[in-house]
PDB file of N, CA and C in Angstrom:
ATOM      1  N   MET A   1     109.726 106.438 101.652  1.00  0.00           N
ATOM      2  CA  MET A   1     108.605 106.030 101.981  1.00  0.00           C
ATOM      3  C   MET A   1     109.323 104.748 102.478  1.00  0.00           C
ATOM      4  N   ASN A   2     109.278 104.752 103.880  1.00  0.00           N
ATOM      5  CA  ASN A   2     110.100 103.575 105.080  1.00  0.00           C
ATOM      6  C   ASN A   2     109.310 102.103 104.425  1.00  0.00           C
ATOM      7  N   ALA A   3     109.897 101.371 105.434  1.00  0.00           N
ATOM      8  CA  ALA A   3     109.212 100.168 104.819  1.00  0.00           C
ATOM      9  C   ALA A   3     108.044  99.732 105.982  1.00  0.00           C
ATOM     10  N   ALA A   4     107.934 100.359 106.706  1.00  0.00           N
ATOM     11  CA  ALA A   4     106.772 100.411 107.700  1.00  0.00           C
ATOM     12  C   ALA A   4     105.464 101.056 107.038  1.00  0.00           C
ATOM     13  N   MET A   5     105.637 102.075 105.877  1.00  0.00           N
ATOM     14  CA  MET A   5     104.591 103.203 105.479  1.00  0.00           C
ATOM     15  C   MET A   5     104.139 102.226 103.905  1.00  0.00           C
ATOM     16  N   LYS A   6     105.008 101.482 103.908  1.00  0.00           N
ATOM     17  CA  LYS A   6     104.674 100.585 102.166  1.00  0.00           C
ATOM     18  C   LYS A   6     103.275  99.873 102.358  1.00  0.00           C
ATOM     19  N   PRO A   7     102.376 100.186 101.164  1.00  0.00           N
ATOM     20  CA  PRO A   7     101.078  99.610 100.994  1.00  0.00           C
ATOM     21  C   PRO A   7     101.271  98.201 101.007  1.00  0.00           C
ATOM     22  N   TRP A   8     100.304  97.435 101.606  1.00  0.00           N
ATOM     23  CA  TRP A   8     100.490  95.829 101.150  1.00  0.00           C
ATOM     24  C   TRP A   8      99.040  94.918 100.901  1.00  0.00           C
ATOM     25  N   ILE A   9      99.437  94.499  99.638  1.00  0.00           N
ATOM     26  CA  ILE A   9      97.939  94.046  99.422  1.00  0.00           C
ATOM     27  C   ILE A   9      98.415  92.390  99.241  1.00  0.00           C
ATOM     28  N   ARG A  10      97.689  91.633  99.361  1.00  0.00           N
ATOM     29  CA  ARG A  10      97.598  89.819  99.394  1.00  0.00           C
ATOM     30  C   ARG A  10      97.713  89.726  98.113  1.00  0.00           C
ATOM     31  N   TRP A  11      98.773  88.694  97.921  1.00  0.00           N
ATOM     32  CA  TRP A  11      97.944  88.366  95.996  1.00  0.00           C
ATOM     33  C   TRP A  11      98.605  86.795  96.317  1.00  0.00           C
ATOM     34  N   ILE A  12      98.340  85.957  95.437  1.00  0.00           N
ATOM     35  CA  ILE A  12      98.774  84.151  95.619  1.00  0.00           C
ATOM     36  C   ILE A  12     100.025  84.465  94.919  1.00  0.00           C
ATOM     37  N   GLU A  13     101.198  83.765  95.426  1.00  0.00           N
ATOM     38  CA  GLU A  13     102.290  83.333  94.915  1.00  0.00           C
ATOM     39  C   GLU A  13     102.118  82.359  93.638  1.00  0.00           C
ATOM     40  N   ASP A  14     102.754  82.505  92.849  1.00  0.00           N
ATOM     41  CA  ASP A  14     102.967  81.277  91.586  1.00  0.00           C
ATOM     42  C   ASP A  14     102.480  79.748  91.843  1.00  0.00           C
ATOM     43  N   GLU A  15     102.882  79.115  93.387  1.00  0.00           N
ATOM     44  CA  GLU A  15     103.650  77.955  93.396  1.00  0.00           C
ATOM     45  C   GLU A  15     101.677  77.662  94.198  1.00  0.00           C
ATOM     46  N   GLU A  16     101.310  78.277  94.470  1.00  0.00           N
ATOM     47  CA  GLU A  16      99.872  78.443  95.137  1.00  0.00           C
ATOM     48  C   GLU A  16      98.758  78.955  93.943  1.00  0.00           C
ATOM     49  N   ALA A  17      98.855  79.115  92.583  1.00  0.00           N
ATOM     50  CA  ALA A  17      98.034  79.303  91.729  1.00  0.00           C
ATOM     51  C   ALA A  17      97.161  78.092  91.426  1.00  0.00           C
ATOM     52  N   THR A  18      96.067  77.982  91.277  1.00  0.00           N
ATOM     53  CA  THR A  18      95.117  76.974  90.808  1.00  0.00           C
ATOM     54  C   THR A  18      94.324  77.273  89.725  1.00  0.00           C
ATOM     55  N   GLY A  19      94.199  76.607  89.155  1.00  0.00           N
ATOM     56  CA  GLY A  19      92.618  76.924  87.915  1.00  0.00           C
ATOM     57  C   GLY A  19      92.978  77.920  86.850  1.00  0.00           C
ATOM     58  N   PRO A  20      92.197  79.129  86.739  1.00  0.00           N
ATOM     59  CA  PRO A  20      92.799  79.939  85.728  1.00  0.00           C
ATOM     60  C   PRO A  20      93.784  80.591  86.054  1.00  0.00           C
ATOM     61  N   LEU A  21      93.757  81.095  87.579  1.00  0.00           N
ATOM     62  CA  LEU A  21      94.770  82.058  87.411  1.00  0.00           C
ATOM     63  C   LEU A  21      96.108  81.152  87.243  1.00  0.00           C
ATOM     64  N   ARG A  22      96.297  80.283  87.856  1.00  0.00           N
ATOM     65  CA  ARG A  22      97.413  79.516  86.862  1.00  0.00           C
ATOM     66  C   ARG A  22      97.793  79.415  85.499  1.00  0.00           C
ATOM     67  N   ARG A  23      96.988  79.131  84.888  1.00  0.00           N
ATOM     68  CA  ARG A  23      96.939  79.662  83.545  1.00  0.00           C
ATOM     69  C   ARG A  23      97.279  80.828  82.946  1.00  0.00           C
ATOM     70  N   LEU A  24      96.747  81.940  83.650  1.00  0.00           N
ATOM     71  CA  LEU A  24      96.687  83.379  83.768  1.00  0.00           C
ATOM     72  C   LEU A  24      98.520  83.524  84.190  1.00  0.00           C
ATOM     73  N   TYR A  25      98.804  82.839  85.156  1.00  0.00           N
ATOM     74  CA  TYR A  25     100.328  83.108  85.391  1.00  0.00           C
ATOM     75  C   TYR A  25     101.059  82.422  84.284  1.00  0.00           C
ATOM     76  N   ARG A  26     101.055  81.721  83.549  1.00  0.00           N
ATOM     77  CA  ARG A  26     101.832  80.977  82.959  1.00  0.00           C
ATOM     78  C   ARG A  26     102.124  81.983  81.983  1.00  0.00           C
ATOM     79  N   GLU A  27     100.525  82.047  81.699  1.00  0.00           N
ATOM     80  CA  GLU A  27     100.921  83.098  80.196  1.00  0.00           C
ATOM     81  C   GLU A  27     101.742  84.070  80.268  1.00  0.00           C
ATOM     82  N   ALA A  28     101.254  84.928  81.752  1.00  0.00           N
ATOM     83  CA  ALA A  28     102.188  86.396  81.957  1.00  0.00           C
ATOM     84  C   ALA A  28     103.848  85.823  82.033  1.00  0.00           C
ATOM     85  N   ILE A  29     104.312  84.907  82.171  1.00  0.00           N
ATOM     86  CA  ILE A  29     105.869  83.872  82.397  1.00  0.00           C
ATOM     87  C   ILE A  29     105.902  83.616  80.606  1.00  0.00           C
ATOM     88  N   ALA A  30     105.190  83.136  80.026  1.00  0.00           N
ATOM     89  CA  ALA A  30     105.821  83.021  78.861  1.00  0.00           C
ATOM     90  C   ALA A  30     105.932  84.370  77.744  1.00  0.00           C
ATOM     91  N   ARG A  31     104.855  85.401  78.108  1.00  0.00           N
ATOM     92  CA  ARG A  31     104.958  86.651  77.626  1.00  0.00           C
ATOM     93  C   ARG A  31     106.238  87.578  77.819  1.00  0.00           C
ATOM     94  N   ALA A  32     106.589  87.295  79.254  1.00  0.00           N
ATOM     95  CA  ALA A  32     107.303  88.180  80.261  1.00  0.00           C
ATOM     96  C   ALA A  32     108.729  87.184  80.538  1.00  0.00           C
ATOM     97  N   GLY A  33     108.498  86.306  81.095  1.00  0.00           N
ATOM     98  CA  GLY A  33     109.801  85.685  81.682  1.00  0.00           C
ATOM     99  C   GLY A  33     109.002  85.671  83.154  1.00  0.00           C
ATOM    100  N   ARG A  34     108.372  86.544  83.742  1.00  0.00           N
ATOM    101  CA  ARG A  34     107.887  86.354  85.464  1.00  0.00           C
ATOM    102  C   ARG A  34     106.979  86.809  85.029  1.00  0.00           C
ATOM    103  N   VAL A  35     105.997  86.763  86.628  1.00  0.00           N
ATOM    104  CA  VAL A  35     104.848  87.156  86.700  1.00  0.00           C
ATOM    105  C   VAL A  35     105.255  88.851  87.686  1.00  0.00           C
ATOM    106  N   PHE A  36     104.742  90.163  87.063  1.00  0.00           N
ATOM    107  CA  PHE A  36     105.164  90.980  87.759  1.00  0.00           C
ATOM    108  C   PHE A  36     103.810  91.379  88.898  1.00  0.00           C
ATOM    109  N   HIS A  37     104.614  92.278  89.409  1.00  0.00           N
ATOM    110  CA  HIS A  37     103.576  92.634  90.907  1.00  0.00           C
ATOM    111  C   HIS A  37     102.307  93.113  90.486  1.00  0.00           C
ATOM    112  N   ILE A  38     102.618  94.197  89.278  1.00  0.00           N
ATOM    113  CA  ILE A  38     101.239  94.288  88.689  1.00  0.00           C
ATOM    114  C   ILE A  38     100.152  93.568  88.284  1.00  0.00           C
ATOM    115  N   VAL A  39     100.548  92.557  87.901  1.00  0.00           N
ATOM    116  CA  VAL A  39      99.587  91.355  87.185  1.00  0.00           C
ATOM    117  C   VAL A  39      98.983  90.151  89.117  1.00  0.00           C
ATOM    118  N   ARG A  40     100.170  90.238  89.954  1.00  0.00           N
ATOM    119  CA  ARG A  40      99.817  89.562  91.248  1.00  0.00           C
ATOM    120  C   ARG A  40      98.787  89.917  91.923  1.00  0.00           C
ATOM    121  N   ILE A  41      98.952  91.532  92.095  1.00  0.00           N
ATOM    122  CA  ILE A  41      97.757  92.600  92.722  1.00  0.00           C
ATOM    123  C   ILE A  41      96.548  91.672  92.169  1.00  0.00           C
ATOM    124  N   MET A  42      95.932  91.378  90.878  1.00  0.00           N
ATOM    125  CA  MET A  42      95.048  91.442  90.936  1.00  0.00           C
ATOM    126  C   MET A  42      94.935  89.839  90.479  1.00  0.00           C
ATOM    127  N   SER A  43      94.881  88.785  91.455  1.00  0.00           N
ATOM    128  CA  SER A  43      95.085  87.499  91.884  1.00  0.00           C
ATOM    129  C   SER A  43      94.338  86.786  92.752  1.00  0.00           C
ATOM    130  N   LEU A  44      93.548  87.519  93.247  1.00  0.00           N
ATOM    131  CA  LEU A  44      92.297  87.745  93.756  1.00  0.00           C
ATOM    132  C   LEU A  44      91.214  87.181  93.619  1.00  0.00           C
ATOM    133  N   ARG A  45      91.164  88.091  92.301  1.00  0.00           N
ATOM    134  CA  ARG A  45      90.579  88.392  91.139  1.00  0.00           C
ATOM    135  C   ARG A  45      90.504  87.568  89.510  1.00  0.00           C
ATOM    136  N   PRO A  46      91.109  86.659  89.273  1.00  0.00           N
ATOM    137  CA  PRO A  46      91.014  86.306  87.819  1.00  0.00           C
ATOM    138  C   PRO A  46      90.750  86.780  86.715  1.00  0.00           C
ATOM    139  N   GLN A  47      89.348  86.766  86.999  1.00  0.00           N
ATOM    140  CA  GLN A  47      88.550  87.337  85.731  1.00  0.00           C
ATOM    141  C   GLN A  47      88.540  89.071  85.773  1.00  0.00           C
ATOM    142  N   THR A  48      89.043  89.591  86.418  1.00  0.00           N
ATOM    143  CA  THR A  48      89.073  91.128  86.859  1.00  0.00           C
ATOM    144  C   THR A  48      91.279  90.643  86.055  1.00  0.00           C
ATOM    145  N   LEU A  49      91.798  90.021  86.256  1.00  0.00           N
ATOM    146  CA  LEU A  49      92.716  89.940  85.717  1.00  0.00           C
ATOM    147  C   LEU A  49      92.954  89.516  84.416  1.00  0.00           C
ATOM    148  N   ARG A  50      92.373  88.971  83.644  1.00  0.00           N
ATOM    149  CA  ARG A  50      92.275  88.677  82.498  1.00  0.00           C
ATOM    150  C   ARG A  50      91.786  89.381  81.940  1.00  0.00           C
ATOM    151  N   THR A  51      90.558  90.153  82.179  1.00  0.00           N
ATOM    152  CA  THR A  51      89.842  91.831  81.832  1.00  0.00           C
ATOM    153  C   THR A  51      91.054  93.021  81.702  1.00  0.00           C
ATOM    154  N   SER A  52      91.918  92.691  82.437  1.00  0.00           N
ATOM    155  CA  SER A  52      92.879  94.052  82.416  1.00  0.00           C
ATOM    156  C   SER A  52      93.747  93.572  81.624  1.00  0.00           C
ATOM    157  N   MET A  53      94.361  92.523  81.545  1.00  0.00           N
ATOM    158  CA  MET A  53      95.617  91.988  80.364  1.00  0.00           C
ATOM    159  C   MET A  53      94.721  91.972  78.984  1.00  0.00           C
ATOM    160  N   GLY A  54      93.614  91.688  79.125  1.00  0.00           N
ATOM    161  CA  GLY A  54      92.769  91.889  77.790  1.00  0.00           C
ATOM    162  C   GLY A  54      92.998  92.932  77.418  1.00  0.00           C
ATOM    163  N   LEU A  55      92.671  94.117  77.953  1.00  0.00           N
ATOM    164  CA  LEU A  55      92.312  95.858  77.914  1.00  0.00           C
ATOM    165  C   LEU A  55      93.755  96.586  76.774  1.00  0.00           C
ATOM    166  N   TYR A  56      94.373  95.695  78.479  1.00  0.00           N
ATOM    167  CA  TYR A  56      96.124  96.250  78.202  1.00  0.00           C
ATOM    168  C   TYR A  56      96.575  95.420  76.885  1.00  0.00           C
ATOM    169  N   GLN A  57      96.625  94.746  76.081  1.00  0.00           N
ATOM    170  CA  GLN A  57      97.221  93.460  74.990  1.00  0.00           C
ATOM    171  C   GLN A  57      96.471  94.588  73.759  1.00  0.00           C
ATOM    172  N   SER A  58      95.430  94.728  73.948  1.00  0.00           N
ATOM    173  CA  SER A  58      93.822  95.710  72.928  1.00  0.00           C
ATOM    174  C   SER A  58      94.491  97.190  72.590  1.00  0.00           C
ATOM    175  N   VAL A  59      95.301  97.350  73.963  1.00  0.00           N
ATOM    176  CA  VAL A  59      95.796  98.936  73.661  1.00  0.00           C
ATOM    177  C   VAL A  59      97.233  98.959  72.955  1.00  0.00           C
ATOM    178  N   MET A  60      97.997  98.069  73.659  1.00  0.00           N
ATOM    179  CA  MET A  60      99.235  98.089  72.987  1.00  0.00           C
ATOM    180  C   MET A  60      99.346  97.299  71.921  1.00  0.00           C
ATOM    181  N   HIS A  61      98.704  96.105  71.416  1.00  0.00           N
ATOM    182  CA  HIS A  61      99.332  95.296  70.433  1.00  0.00           C
ATOM    183  C   HIS A  61      98.421  95.597  69.133  1.00  0.00           C
ATOM    184  N   ALA A  62      97.442  96.228  69.184  1.00  0.00           N
ATOM    185  CA  ALA A  62      96.385  96.009  67.883  1.00  0.00           C
ATOM    186  C   ALA A  62      97.334  96.865  67.063  1.00  0.00           C
ATOM    187  N   GLU A  63      96.358  96.859  66.010  1.00  0.00           N
ATOM    188  CA  GLU A  63      96.904  97.558  64.816  1.00  0.00           C
ATOM    189  C   GLU A  63      95.856  99.105  65.018  1.00  0.00           C
ATOM    190  N   SER A  64      96.887  99.938  64.625  1.00  0.00           N
ATOM    191  CA  SER A  64      96.442 101.529  64.598  1.00  0.00           C
ATOM    192  C   SER A  64      97.412 102.034  63.738  1.00  0.00           C
ATOM    193  N   ALA A  65      96.377 102.915  62.699  1.00  0.00           N
ATOM    194  CA  ALA A  65      96.579 103.350  61.750  1.00  0.00           C
ATOM    195  C   ALA A  65      97.354 104.753  62.094  1.00  0.00           C
ATOM    196  N   ARG A  66      96.976 105.413  63.294  1.00  0.00           N
ATOM    197  CA  ARG A  66      97.486 106.617  64.129  1.00  0.00           C
ATOM    198  C   ARG A  66      98.579 106.507  64.870  1.00  0.00           C
ATOM    199  N   LEU A  67      98.805 105.239  65.586  1.00  0.00           N
ATOM    200  CA  LEU A  67      99.786 105.077  66.622  1.00  0.00           C
ATOM    201  C   LEU A  67     100.557 104.165  66.287  1.00  0.00           C
ATOM    202  N   GLY A  68     102.024 104.028  66.376  1.00  0.00           N
ATOM    203  CA  GLY A  68     102.518 102.803  65.787  1.00  0.00           C
ATOM    204  C   GLY A  68     102.990 102.265  67.558  1.00  0.00           C
ATOM    205  N   ARG A  69     103.324 100.532  67.351  1.00  0.00           N
ATOM    206  CA  ARG A  69     103.732  99.921  68.646  1.00  0.00           C
ATOM    207  C   ARG A  69     104.741 100.734  69.491  1.00  0.00           C
ATOM    208  N   ALA A  70     105.901 101.156  68.723  1.00  0.00           N
ATOM    209  CA  ALA A  70     107.306 101.886  69.651  1.00  0.00           C
ATOM    210  C   ALA A  70     106.451 103.013  69.990  1.00  0.00           C
ATOM    211  N   GLU A  71     105.273 104.427  69.617  1.00  0.00           N
ATOM    212  CA  GLU A  71     105.201 105.439  69.648  1.00  0.00           C
ATOM    213  C   GLU A  71     104.396 105.044  71.171  1.00  0.00           C
ATOM    214  N   ARG A  72     103.213 104.031  71.032  1.00  0.00           N
ATOM    215  CA  ARG A  72     102.644 104.051  72.226  1.00  0.00           C
ATOM    216  C   ARG A  72     102.942 103.627  73.449  1.00  0.00           C
ATOM    217  N   GLU A  73     104.602 102.767  73.201  1.00  0.00           N
ATOM    218  CA  GLU A  73     105.683 102.481  73.966  1.00  0.00           C
ATOM    219  C   GLU A  73     106.148 103.768  74.609  1.00  0.00           C
ATOM    220  N   MET A  74     106.349 104.513  73.917  1.00  0.00           N
ATOM    221  CA  MET A  74     107.502 105.903  74.682  1.00  0.00           C
ATOM    222  C   MET A  74     106.035 105.845  75.284  1.00  0.00           C
ATOM    223  N   ILE A  75     104.412 106.265  74.917  1.00  0.00           N
ATOM    224  CA  ILE A  75     103.689 107.515  75.678  1.00  0.00           C
ATOM    225  C   ILE A  75     103.826 106.512  77.247  1.00  0.00           C
ATOM    226  N   ALA A  76     103.592 105.314  77.246  1.00  0.00           N
ATOM    227  CA  ALA A  76     103.535 104.414  78.430  1.00  0.00           C
ATOM    228  C   ALA A  76     104.568 104.610  79.023  1.00  0.00           C
ATOM    229  N   VAL A  77     106.160 105.027  78.527  1.00  0.00           N
ATOM    230  CA  VAL A  77     107.224 105.145  79.564  1.00  0.00           C
ATOM    231  C   VAL A  77     107.112 106.718  80.048  1.00  0.00           C
ATOM    232  N   VAL A  78     106.325 107.620  79.155  1.00  0.00           N
ATOM    233  CA  VAL A  78     106.386 108.771  79.939  1.00  0.00           C
ATOM    234  C   VAL A  78     105.492 108.571  80.711  1.00  0.00           C
ATOM    235  N   VAL A  79     104.390 108.773  80.571  1.00  0.00           N
ATOM    236  CA  VAL A  79     103.175 108.086  81.673  1.00  0.00           C
ATOM    237  C   VAL A  79     104.086 107.385  83.126  1.00  0.00           C
ATOM    238  N   SER A  80     104.217 106.639  82.849  1.00  0.00           N
ATOM    239  CA  SER A  80     104.603 106.357  83.954  1.00  0.00           C
ATOM    240  C   SER A  80     106.328 106.649  85.128  1.00  0.00           C
ATOM    241  N   ARG A  81     107.092 107.215  84.103  1.00  0.00           N
ATOM    242  CA  ARG A  81     107.926 108.309  84.776  1.00  0.00           C
ATOM    243  C   ARG A  81     107.280 109.142  85.272  1.00  0.00           C
ATOM    244  N   THR A  82     106.329 110.013  84.883  1.00  0.00           N
ATOM    245  CA  THR A  82     105.666 111.496  85.538  1.00  0.00           C
ATOM    246  C   THR A  82     104.768 110.687  86.951  1.00  0.00           C
ATOM    247  N   ASN A  83     104.498 109.663  86.420  1.00  0.00           N
ATOM    248  CA  ASN A  83     103.612 109.156  87.658  1.00  0.00           C
ATOM    249  C   ASN A  83     104.496 108.407  88.869  1.00  0.00           C
ATOM    250  N   GLY A  84     105.825 108.278  88.307  1.00  0.00           N
ATOM    251  CA  GLY A  84     106.887 107.744  89.217  1.00  0.00           C
ATOM    252  C   GLY A  84     106.486 106.149  89.805  1.00  0.00           C
ATOM    253  N   CYS A  85     105.884 105.703  88.450  1.00  0.00           N
ATOM    254  CA  CYS A  85     105.755 104.357  88.550  1.00  0.00           C
ATOM    255  C   CYS A  85     106.948 103.764  87.347  1.00  0.00           C
ATOM    256  N   HIS A  86     107.688 102.522  88.116  1.00  0.00           N
ATOM    257  CA  HIS A  86     108.474 101.845  86.976  1.00  0.00           C
ATOM    258  C   HIS A  86     108.432 100.945  86.184  1.00  0.00           C
ATOM    259  N   TYR A  87     107.008 100.461  86.010  1.00  0.00           N
ATOM    260  CA  TYR A  87     106.686  99.669  85.137  1.00  0.00           C
ATOM    261  C   TYR A  87     106.652 100.602  83.717  1.00  0.00           C
TER     262      TYR A  87
END
């Protein structure tokens, strides 16, 4: 895909974030060392971002008798690769 065809989604940069979004960005930096674009694209809706991150953390970090964390991470990698997503 050439640059002219790339999708564009407006988001709030780190230095512009205030209130709840600023806290969410700080949490993201504490967790991952930076704010990934997948997080930024929800910046106009901080409550949606918080809910999405809660779901992700619940699925990936919760204790499970069936799948361990490593197995869940491997599944996520395979699905991302299949979908052409670098996350």
